[in-house]
Amino acid sequence: MKYKLLAFDMDGTILNSRKKISPRTKAALDDLISRGVYVVVSTGRNLAELSEYRDDFKKIHYGIVISGGMIYDFANDAPVKVHAVDEPTILNLIDFGLETRAMIHLHTIKKSVARQEDIQNMAAFGMGVYQNMFDKICERCDDPKEYVRTHPGEVIKVNLYHRDKISRDKNFERINALNLSISFAEAFNLEMSPANVTKGSGLIELCDFLKINLDETIAFGDADNDKEILQTAGFSVAMANAEDEIKKIADFVTLDNDSDGVAAAIEKFF
């Protein structure tokens, strides 16, 4: 099979444990692009959270970002498709977060938004590895409800970072009754997107836009929010550091993210 599109996850996949892209992996991606393959970032991150990788991704044309909530054209700096969460649902999620003392993180079309009191203490939510990034790129908002009301139609995903498993599981039971796509990421995180919006649905939309068949695609991932895109792509690759469930559904398991697993698989299948 000659694959026309490769979609890669960020954290735990293309990024090593230091949150960097190795020279070998970057060279492998650049080589594919030079050969006419669409190389696509497929991530739960928003545009603000991708800003530090601008130089690494300057040749990448499209992205499936915010867990499939937005298809983005980097070359023209414009969204191709946007799926926003409705306001009443967002306000409910914020209430759940406030009640359980969770960190409320809003992903919008262009921004990453959270409360200052949470940003300055991310280790309490098991998110200390992202402290520097949030310090740099996050817009501070003391009243997330007011932000939602004054930015209608802009919130694409809501993350709740919990302090422990008990509070996360309590909120999962409540949120599971709502009409949303829910995924687990990091230690005690819940990520909420509109119903049926996932990285997998994003791949379908992008392939339709580019006139590419799904069986001509290959996807890489490691975590719960990669499950749908791995099941949707023509061929799926899990990292050696991936969750066991992800390895079971993948067509191939490559090396871990600290051993250039993405580059190794590219060299094998391209």
C-alpha atoms as a PDB file:
ATOM      1  CA  MET A   1       0.000   0.000   0.000  1.00  0.00           C
ATOM      2  CA  LYS A   2       1.246   3.468  -0.872  1.00  0.00           C
ATOM      3  CA  TYR A   3       0.068   5.666   1.976  1.00  0.00           C
ATOM      4  CA  LYS A   4      -0.896   9.208   1.044  1.00  0.00           C
ATOM      5  CA  LEU A   5      -1.442  10.576   4.554  1.00  0.00           C
ATOM      6  CA  LEU A   6       0.303  10.024   7.872  1.00  0.00           C
ATOM      7  CA  ALA A   7      -1.291  11.324  11.085  1.00  0.00           C
ATOM      8  CA  PHE A   8       0.753  11.464  14.274  1.00  0.00           C
ATOM      9  CA  ASP A   9      -0.166  12.148  17.877  1.00  0.00           C
ATOM     10  CA  MET A  10       2.004  14.517  19.910  1.00  0.00           C
ATOM     11  CA  ASP A  11       2.497  13.643  23.585  1.00  0.00           C
ATOM     12  CA  GLY A  12       3.810  10.134  24.087  1.00  0.00           C
ATOM     13  CA  THR A  13       4.182   9.613  20.338  1.00  0.00           C
ATOM     14  CA  ILE A  14       6.101  12.141  18.245  1.00  0.00           C
ATOM     15  CA  LEU A  15       7.410  13.894  21.365  1.00  0.00           C
ATOM     16  CA  ASN A  16       9.921  12.172  23.601  1.00  0.00           C
ATOM     17  CA  SER A  17       9.686  12.358  27.393  1.00  0.00           C
ATOM     18  CA  ARG A  18      11.401  15.766  27.282  1.00  0.00           C
ATOM     19  CA  LYS A  19       8.578  17.021  25.017  1.00  0.00           C
ATOM     20  CA  LYS A  20      10.959  17.365  22.066  1.00  0.00           C
ATOM     21  CA  ILE A  21      11.027  16.002  18.512  1.00  0.00           C
ATOM     22  CA  SER A  22      14.288  14.226  17.800  1.00  0.00           C
ATOM     23  CA  PRO A  23      16.367  15.131  14.706  1.00  0.00           C
ATOM     24  CA  ARG A  24      15.868  11.625  13.309  1.00  0.00           C
ATOM     25  CA  THR A  25      12.096  11.809  13.605  1.00  0.00           C
ATOM     26  CA  LYS A  26      11.914  15.326  12.160  1.00  0.00           C
ATOM     27  CA  ALA A  27      14.073  14.255   9.204  1.00  0.00           C
ATOM     28  CA  ALA A  28      11.782  11.270   8.562  1.00  0.00           C
ATOM     29  CA  LEU A  29       8.699  13.509   8.533  1.00  0.00           C
ATOM     30  CA  ASP A  30      10.339  16.105   6.278  1.00  0.00           C
ATOM     31  CA  ASP A  31      11.352  13.369   3.865  1.00  0.00           C
ATOM     32  CA  LEU A  32       7.766  12.142   3.603  1.00  0.00           C
ATOM     33  CA  ILE A  33       6.526  15.663   2.916  1.00  0.00           C
ATOM     34  CA  SER A  34       9.134  16.088   0.173  1.00  0.00           C
ATOM     35  CA  ARG A  35       7.775  12.886  -1.393  1.00  0.00           C
ATOM     36  CA  GLY A  36       4.228  14.251  -1.522  1.00  0.00           C
ATOM     37  CA  VAL A  37       2.763  12.528   1.543  1.00  0.00           C
ATOM     38  CA  TYR A  38       0.392  14.604   3.678  1.00  0.00           C
ATOM     39  CA  VAL A  39       1.929  14.637   7.157  1.00  0.00           C
ATOM     40  CA  VAL A  40      -0.729  15.671   9.664  1.00  0.00           C
ATOM     41  CA  VAL A  41      -0.506  16.432  13.361  1.00  0.00           C
ATOM     42  CA  SER A  42      -3.357  14.733  15.247  1.00  0.00           C
ATOM     43  CA  THR A  43      -3.490  16.071  18.769  1.00  0.00           C
ATOM     44  CA  GLY A  44      -5.586  17.013  21.749  1.00  0.00           C
ATOM     45  CA  ARG A  45      -3.606  20.243  21.912  1.00  0.00           C
ATOM     46  CA  ASN A  46      -4.916  23.560  20.676  1.00  0.00           C
ATOM     47  CA  LEU A  47      -3.089  26.074  18.474  1.00  0.00           C
ATOM     48  CA  ALA A  48      -1.567  27.949  21.414  1.00  0.00           C
ATOM     49  CA  GLU A  49      -0.120  24.709  22.767  1.00  0.00           C
ATOM     50  CA  LEU A  50       1.473  23.978  19.396  1.00  0.00           C
ATOM     51  CA  SER A  51       3.191  27.357  19.148  1.00  0.00           C
ATOM     52  CA  GLU A  52       6.561  26.182  20.496  1.00  0.00           C
ATOM     53  CA  TYR A  53       6.722  23.585  17.701  1.00  0.00           C
ATOM     54  CA  ARG A  54       6.148  26.097  14.909  1.00  0.00           C
ATOM     55  CA  ASP A  55       9.632  25.604  13.472  1.00  0.00           C
ATOM     56  CA  ASP A  56       9.351  21.815  13.624  1.00  0.00           C
ATOM     57  CA  PHE A  57       5.997  21.886  11.853  1.00  0.00           C
ATOM     58  CA  LYS A  58       6.585  24.672   9.322  1.00  0.00           C
ATOM     59  CA  LYS A  59       6.270  22.214   6.415  1.00  0.00           C
ATOM     60  CA  ILE A  60       3.073  20.631   7.751  1.00  0.00           C
ATOM     61  CA  HIS A  61      -0.014  21.896   5.945  1.00  0.00           C
ATOM     62  CA  TYR A  62      -2.931  20.479   7.980  1.00  0.00           C
ATOM     63  CA  GLY A  63      -3.719  19.500  11.538  1.00  0.00           C
ATOM     64  CA  ILE A  64      -6.449  17.539  13.306  1.00  0.00           C
ATOM     65  CA  VAL A  65      -6.318  19.537  16.527  1.00  0.00           C
ATOM     66  CA  ILE A  66      -8.263  19.804  19.793  1.00  0.00           C
ATOM     67  CA  SER A  67      -9.079  16.075  19.618  1.00  0.00           C
ATOM     68  CA  GLY A  68     -10.786  16.405  16.237  1.00  0.00           C
ATOM     69  CA  GLY A  69     -12.739  19.508  17.228  1.00  0.00           C
ATOM     70  CA  MET A  70     -10.998  21.536  14.534  1.00  0.00           C
ATOM     71  CA  ILE A  71      -9.350  20.779  11.210  1.00  0.00           C
ATOM     72  CA  TYR A  72      -6.779  23.517  10.676  1.00  0.00           C
ATOM     73  CA  ASP A  73      -4.970  24.770   7.579  1.00  0.00           C
ATOM     74  CA  PHE A  74      -1.592  25.908   8.916  1.00  0.00           C
ATOM     75  CA  ALA A  75      -0.423  27.142   5.520  1.00  0.00           C
ATOM     76  CA  ASN A  76      -3.287  29.630   5.290  1.00  0.00           C
ATOM     77  CA  ASP A  77      -3.722  30.099   9.062  1.00  0.00           C
ATOM     78  CA  ALA A  78      -7.421  29.295   8.903  1.00  0.00           C
ATOM     79  CA  PRO A  79      -9.797  26.604  10.177  1.00  0.00           C
ATOM     80  CA  VAL A  80     -11.266  24.168   7.675  1.00  0.00           C
ATOM     81  CA  LYS A  81     -13.840  22.768  10.094  1.00  0.00           C
ATOM     82  CA  VAL A  82     -14.857  23.689  13.656  1.00  0.00           C
ATOM     83  CA  HIS A  83     -17.053  21.790  16.134  1.00  0.00           C
ATOM     84  CA  ALA A  84     -17.886  23.854  19.239  1.00  0.00           C
ATOM     85  CA  VAL A  85     -19.447  22.645  22.491  1.00  0.00           C
ATOM     86  CA  ASP A  86     -22.821  24.273  23.193  1.00  0.00           C
ATOM     87  CA  GLU A  87     -22.893  26.901  25.947  1.00  0.00           C
ATOM     88  CA  PRO A  88     -25.311  25.192  28.425  1.00  0.00           C
ATOM     89  CA  THR A  89     -23.147  22.052  28.358  1.00  0.00           C
ATOM     90  CA  ILE A  90     -19.946  24.013  28.942  1.00  0.00           C
ATOM     91  CA  LEU A  91     -21.496  25.775  31.921  1.00  0.00           C
ATOM     92  CA  ASN A  92     -22.490  22.410  33.389  1.00  0.00           C
ATOM     93  CA  LEU A  93     -18.937  21.125  32.974  1.00  0.00           C
ATOM     94  CA  ILE A  94     -17.563  24.226  34.665  1.00  0.00           C
ATOM     95  CA  ASP A  95     -19.922  23.665  37.609  1.00  0.00           C
ATOM     96  CA  PHE A  96     -18.701  20.072  37.930  1.00  0.00           C
ATOM     97  CA  GLY A  97     -15.125  21.303  37.870  1.00  0.00           C
ATOM     98  CA  LEU A  98     -15.686  23.984  40.478  1.00  0.00           C
ATOM     99  CA  GLU A  99     -17.479  21.583  42.804  1.00  0.00           C
ATOM    100  CA  THR A 100     -14.612  19.058  42.718  1.00  0.00           C
ATOM    101  CA  ARG A 101     -11.839  21.710  42.841  1.00  0.00           C
ATOM    102  CA  ALA A 102     -10.628  20.636  39.406  1.00  0.00           C
ATOM    103  CA  MET A 103      -8.613  22.765  37.016  1.00  0.00           C
ATOM    104  CA  ILE A 104     -10.895  23.998  34.231  1.00  0.00           C
ATOM    105  CA  HIS A 105      -9.140  24.311  30.878  1.00  0.00           C
ATOM    106  CA  LEU A 106     -10.957  25.736  27.859  1.00  0.00           C
ATOM    107  CA  HIS A 107      -9.700  25.069  24.326  1.00  0.00           C
ATOM    108  CA  THR A 108     -10.896  27.720  21.890  1.00  0.00           C
ATOM    109  CA  ILE A 109     -10.303  28.306  18.182  1.00  0.00           C
ATOM    110  CA  LYS A 110      -7.099  30.232  18.883  1.00  0.00           C
ATOM    111  CA  LYS A 111      -6.465  30.162  22.635  1.00  0.00           C
ATOM    112  CA  SER A 112      -5.834  28.110  25.742  1.00  0.00           C
ATOM    113  CA  VAL A 113      -7.762  29.510  28.732  1.00  0.00           C
ATOM    114  CA  ALA A 114      -7.586  28.716  32.458  1.00  0.00           C
ATOM    115  CA  ARG A 115      -7.660  30.355  35.895  1.00  0.00           C
ATOM    116  CA  GLN A 116      -4.431  31.824  37.248  1.00  0.00           C
ATOM    117  CA  GLU A 117      -4.847  30.051  40.595  1.00  0.00           C
ATOM    118  CA  ASP A 118      -4.821  26.707  38.776  1.00  0.00           C
ATOM    119  CA  ILE A 119      -2.048  27.509  36.294  1.00  0.00           C
ATOM    120  CA  GLN A 120       0.368  28.367  39.090  1.00  0.00           C
ATOM    121  CA  ASN A 121      -0.195  25.005  40.793  1.00  0.00           C
ATOM    122  CA  MET A 122      -0.442  22.437  37.995  1.00  0.00           C
ATOM    123  CA  ALA A 123       1.490  19.762  39.869  1.00  0.00           C
ATOM    124  CA  ALA A 124      -1.527  19.417  42.168  1.00  0.00           C
ATOM    125  CA  PHE A 125      -3.478  18.111  39.178  1.00  0.00           C
ATOM    126  CA  GLY A 126      -0.779  15.731  37.940  1.00  0.00           C
ATOM    127  CA  MET A 127       0.106  18.179  35.170  1.00  0.00           C
ATOM    128  CA  GLY A 128       3.433  19.523  36.396  1.00  0.00           C
ATOM    129  CA  VAL A 129       5.231  18.501  33.190  1.00  0.00           C
ATOM    130  CA  TYR A 130       3.180  21.149  31.356  1.00  0.00           C
ATOM    131  CA  GLN A 131       3.805  23.950  33.875  1.00  0.00           C
ATOM    132  CA  ASN A 132       6.242  25.917  31.712  1.00  0.00           C
ATOM    133  CA  MET A 133       4.036  25.670  28.641  1.00  0.00           C
ATOM    134  CA  PHE A 134       0.928  26.879  30.464  1.00  0.00           C
ATOM    135  CA  ASP A 135       2.882  29.727  32.083  1.00  0.00           C
ATOM    136  CA  LYS A 136       3.856  30.931  28.615  1.00  0.00           C
ATOM    137  CA  ILE A 137       0.788  30.417  26.446  1.00  0.00           C
ATOM    138  CA  CYS A 138      -2.325  30.294  28.611  1.00  0.00           C
ATOM    139  CA  GLU A 139      -4.756  33.226  28.760  1.00  0.00           C
ATOM    140  CA  ARG A 140      -5.785  33.890  32.353  1.00  0.00           C
ATOM    141  CA  CYS A 141      -9.472  34.086  33.183  1.00  0.00           C
ATOM    142  CA  ASP A 142     -10.732  34.194  36.768  1.00  0.00           C
ATOM    143  CA  ASP A 143     -14.359  33.559  35.752  1.00  0.00           C
ATOM    144  CA  PRO A 144     -14.596  30.800  33.106  1.00  0.00           C
ATOM    145  CA  LYS A 145     -18.382  31.113  32.914  1.00  0.00           C
ATOM    146  CA  GLU A 146     -18.127  34.776  32.004  1.00  0.00           C
ATOM    147  CA  TYR A 147     -15.498  33.931  29.397  1.00  0.00           C
ATOM    148  CA  VAL A 148     -17.831  31.408  27.776  1.00  0.00           C
ATOM    149  CA  ARG A 149     -20.709  33.890  27.705  1.00  0.00           C
ATOM    150  CA  THR A 150     -18.575  36.613  26.112  1.00  0.00           C
ATOM    151  CA  HIS A 151     -16.979  34.269  23.548  1.00  0.00           C
ATOM    152  CA  PRO A 152     -19.983  32.415  22.080  1.00  0.00           C
ATOM    153  CA  GLY A 153     -19.244  29.499  19.785  1.00  0.00           C
ATOM    154  CA  GLU A 154     -15.496  29.558  20.455  1.00  0.00           C
ATOM    155  CA  VAL A 155     -15.000  26.750  23.008  1.00  0.00           C
ATOM    156  CA  ILE A 156     -14.233  23.509  21.194  1.00  0.00           C
ATOM    157  CA  LYS A 157     -13.151  21.306  24.107  1.00  0.00           C
ATOM    158  CA  VAL A 158     -13.255  21.421  27.898  1.00  0.00           C
ATOM    159  CA  ASN A 159     -10.612  19.662  29.987  1.00  0.00           C
ATOM    160  CA  LEU A 160     -11.043  19.001  33.690  1.00  0.00           C
ATOM    161  CA  TYR A 161      -7.795  18.162  35.504  1.00  0.00           C
ATOM    162  CA  HIS A 162      -8.652  16.518  38.806  1.00  0.00           C
ATOM    163  CA  ARG A 163      -6.651  16.193  41.997  1.00  0.00           C
ATOM    164  CA  ASP A 164      -7.338  12.477  42.389  1.00  0.00           C
ATOM    165  CA  LYS A 165      -9.078   9.480  40.863  1.00  0.00           C
ATOM    166  CA  ILE A 166     -12.075   9.733  43.180  1.00  0.00           C
ATOM    167  CA  SER A 167     -13.071  13.200  41.987  1.00  0.00           C
ATOM    168  CA  ARG A 168     -12.360  12.286  38.373  1.00  0.00           C
ATOM    169  CA  ASP A 169     -14.564   9.202  38.560  1.00  0.00           C
ATOM    170  CA  LYS A 170     -17.335  11.203  40.236  1.00  0.00           C
ATOM    171  CA  ASN A 171     -17.347  13.694  37.390  1.00  0.00           C
ATOM    172  CA  PHE A 172     -17.087  10.984  34.750  1.00  0.00           C
ATOM    173  CA  GLU A 173     -20.338   9.435  35.985  1.00  0.00           C
ATOM    174  CA  ARG A 174     -22.108  12.792  35.742  1.00  0.00           C
ATOM    175  CA  ILE A 175     -20.579  13.809  32.427  1.00  0.00           C
ATOM    176  CA  ASN A 176     -21.240  10.396  30.899  1.00  0.00           C
ATOM    177  CA  ALA A 177     -24.949  11.216  31.050  1.00  0.00           C
ATOM    178  CA  LEU A 178     -24.399  14.195  28.751  1.00  0.00           C
ATOM    179  CA  ASN A 179     -24.206  13.976  24.963  1.00  0.00           C
ATOM    180  CA  LEU A 180     -20.428  14.315  24.648  1.00  0.00           C
ATOM    181  CA  SER A 181     -17.311  12.526  23.484  1.00  0.00           C
ATOM    182  CA  ILE A 182     -15.170  11.825  26.563  1.00  0.00           C
ATOM    183  CA  SER A 183     -11.579  10.650  26.692  1.00  0.00           C
ATOM    184  CA  PHE A 184      -9.078  10.036  29.469  1.00  0.00           C
ATOM    185  CA  ALA A 185      -5.606  11.553  29.253  1.00  0.00           C
ATOM    186  CA  GLU A 186      -2.784  12.198  31.694  1.00  0.00           C
ATOM    187  CA  ALA A 187      -3.281  11.107  35.308  1.00  0.00           C
ATOM    188  CA  PHE A 188      -6.743  12.378  36.312  1.00  0.00           C
ATOM    189  CA  ASN A 189      -7.877  14.256  33.238  1.00  0.00           C
ATOM    190  CA  LEU A 190     -11.218  14.183  31.438  1.00  0.00           C
ATOM    191  CA  GLU A 191     -11.474  15.739  27.967  1.00  0.00           C
ATOM    192  CA  MET A 192     -14.921  16.638  26.665  1.00  0.00           C
ATOM    193  CA  SER A 193     -15.756  17.349  23.013  1.00  0.00           C
ATOM    194  CA  PRO A 194     -19.084  17.497  21.144  1.00  0.00           C
ATOM    195  CA  ALA A 195     -20.784  14.146  20.572  1.00  0.00           C
ATOM    196  CA  ASN A 196     -19.068  11.945  17.978  1.00  0.00           C
ATOM    197  CA  VAL A 197     -16.160  14.372  17.626  1.00  0.00           C
ATOM    198  CA  THR A 198     -12.859  12.533  17.928  1.00  0.00           C
ATOM    199  CA  LYS A 199      -9.520  12.357  16.166  1.00  0.00           C
ATOM    200  CA  GLY A 200     -11.114   9.596  14.104  1.00  0.00           C
ATOM    201  CA  SER A 201     -13.953  11.816  12.901  1.00  0.00           C
ATOM    202  CA  GLY A 202     -11.354  14.489  12.176  1.00  0.00           C
ATOM    203  CA  LEU A 203      -9.429  12.075   9.966  1.00  0.00           C
ATOM    204  CA  ILE A 204     -12.609  11.273   8.034  1.00  0.00           C
ATOM    205  CA  GLU A 205     -13.328  14.988   7.512  1.00  0.00           C
ATOM    206  CA  LEU A 206      -9.782  15.769   6.428  1.00  0.00           C
ATOM    207  CA  CYS A 207      -9.640  12.831   4.018  1.00  0.00           C
ATOM    208  CA  ASP A 208     -12.956  13.909   2.509  1.00  0.00           C
ATOM    209  CA  PHE A 209     -11.571  17.446   2.117  1.00  0.00           C
ATOM    210  CA  LEU A 210      -8.337  16.182   0.500  1.00  0.00           C
ATOM    211  CA  LYS A 211     -10.093  13.461  -1.569  1.00  0.00           C
ATOM    212  CA  ILE A 212      -8.029  10.678   0.018  1.00  0.00           C
ATOM    213  CA  ASN A 213      -9.382   7.200   0.804  1.00  0.00           C
ATOM    214  CA  LEU A 214      -9.131   6.120   4.427  1.00  0.00           C
ATOM    215  CA  ASP A 215      -7.298   2.948   3.439  1.00  0.00           C
ATOM    216  CA  GLU A 216      -4.516   5.206   2.146  1.00  0.00           C
ATOM    217  CA  THR A 217      -3.843   6.587   5.630  1.00  0.00           C
ATOM    218  CA  ILE A 218      -1.637   5.531   8.530  1.00  0.00           C
ATOM    219  CA  ALA A 219      -2.016   6.825  12.101  1.00  0.00           C
ATOM    220  CA  PHE A 220       0.243   6.771  15.166  1.00  0.00           C
ATOM    221  CA  GLY A 221      -0.818   7.037  18.799  1.00  0.00           C
ATOM    222  CA  ASP A 222      -0.375   5.902  22.381  1.00  0.00           C
ATOM    223  CA  ALA A 223      -3.365   6.892  24.518  1.00  0.00           C
ATOM    224  CA  ASP A 224      -7.128   6.715  24.992  1.00  0.00           C
ATOM    225  CA  ASN A 225      -7.836   9.752  22.818  1.00  0.00           C
ATOM    226  CA  ASP A 226      -6.016   8.054  19.909  1.00  0.00           C
ATOM    227  CA  LYS A 227      -8.278   5.005  19.895  1.00  0.00           C
ATOM    228  CA  GLU A 228     -10.769   6.241  17.313  1.00  0.00           C
ATOM    229  CA  ILE A 229      -8.204   7.464  14.790  1.00  0.00           C
ATOM    230  CA  LEU A 230      -6.274   4.191  15.061  1.00  0.00           C
ATOM    231  CA  GLN A 231      -9.509   2.305  14.383  1.00  0.00           C
ATOM    232  CA  THR A 232     -10.371   4.615  11.474  1.00  0.00           C
ATOM    233  CA  ALA A 233      -7.068   4.787   9.594  1.00  0.00           C
ATOM    234  CA  GLY A 234      -6.129   2.249   6.946  1.00  0.00           C
ATOM    235  CA  PHE A 235      -3.161   1.154   9.074  1.00  0.00           C
ATOM    236  CA  SER A 236      -2.505   1.882  12.735  1.00  0.00           C
ATOM    237  CA  VAL A 237       0.721   2.046  14.722  1.00  0.00           C
ATOM    238  CA  ALA A 238       0.951   2.079  18.521  1.00  0.00           C
ATOM    239  CA  MET A 239       4.023   3.146  20.435  1.00  0.00           C
ATOM    240  CA  ALA A 240       5.790   0.636  22.708  1.00  0.00           C
ATOM    241  CA  ASN A 241       4.937   2.993  25.574  1.00  0.00           C
ATOM    242  CA  ALA A 242       1.244   2.982  24.630  1.00  0.00           C
ATOM    243  CA  GLU A 243      -1.540   1.794  26.891  1.00  0.00           C
ATOM    244  CA  ASP A 244      -2.212  -1.934  26.574  1.00  0.00           C
ATOM    245  CA  GLU A 245      -5.664  -1.357  25.072  1.00  0.00           C
ATOM    246  CA  ILE A 246      -4.132   0.800  22.345  1.00  0.00           C
ATOM    247  CA  LYS A 247      -1.516  -1.837  21.513  1.00  0.00           C
ATOM    248  CA  LYS A 248      -4.258  -4.465  21.173  1.00  0.00           C
ATOM    249  CA  ILE A 249      -6.174  -2.528  18.513  1.00  0.00           C
ATOM    250  CA  ALA A 250      -3.103  -1.439  16.522  1.00  0.00           C
ATOM    251  CA  ASP A 251      -1.870  -3.186  13.390  1.00  0.00           C
ATOM    252  CA  PHE A 252       1.749  -2.718  14.466  1.00  0.00           C
ATOM    253  CA  VAL A 253       3.628  -1.757  17.631  1.00  0.00           C
ATOM    254  CA  THR A 254       6.773   0.295  17.066  1.00  0.00           C
ATOM    255  CA  LEU A 255       9.535   1.412  19.440  1.00  0.00           C
ATOM    256  CA  ASP A 256       8.765   3.801  22.299  1.00  0.00           C
ATOM    257  CA  ASN A 257       8.720   7.588  22.022  1.00  0.00           C
ATOM    258  CA  ASP A 258      12.225   7.888  23.489  1.00  0.00           C
ATOM    259  CA  SER A 259      13.606   5.479  20.849  1.00  0.00           C
ATOM    260  CA  ASP A 260      12.344   7.252  17.706  1.00  0.00           C
ATOM    261  CA  GLY A 261       9.417   4.859  17.329  1.00  0.00           C
ATOM    262  CA  VAL A 262       7.709   7.056  14.738  1.00  0.00           C
ATOM    263  CA  ALA A 263      10.841   7.317  12.609  1.00  0.00           C
ATOM    264  CA  ALA A 264      11.434   3.552  12.858  1.00  0.00           C
ATOM    265  CA  ALA A 265       7.916   2.818  11.585  1.00  0.00           C
ATOM    266  CA  ILE A 266       8.228   5.365   8.771  1.00  0.00           C
ATOM    267  CA  GLU A 267      11.462   3.711   7.670  1.00  0.00           C
ATOM    268  CA  LYS A 268       9.722   0.327   7.724  1.00  0.00           C
ATOM    269  CA  PHE A 269       6.481   1.187   5.935  1.00  0.00           C
ATOM    270  CA  PHE A 270       7.555   3.944   3.545  1.00  0.00           C
END
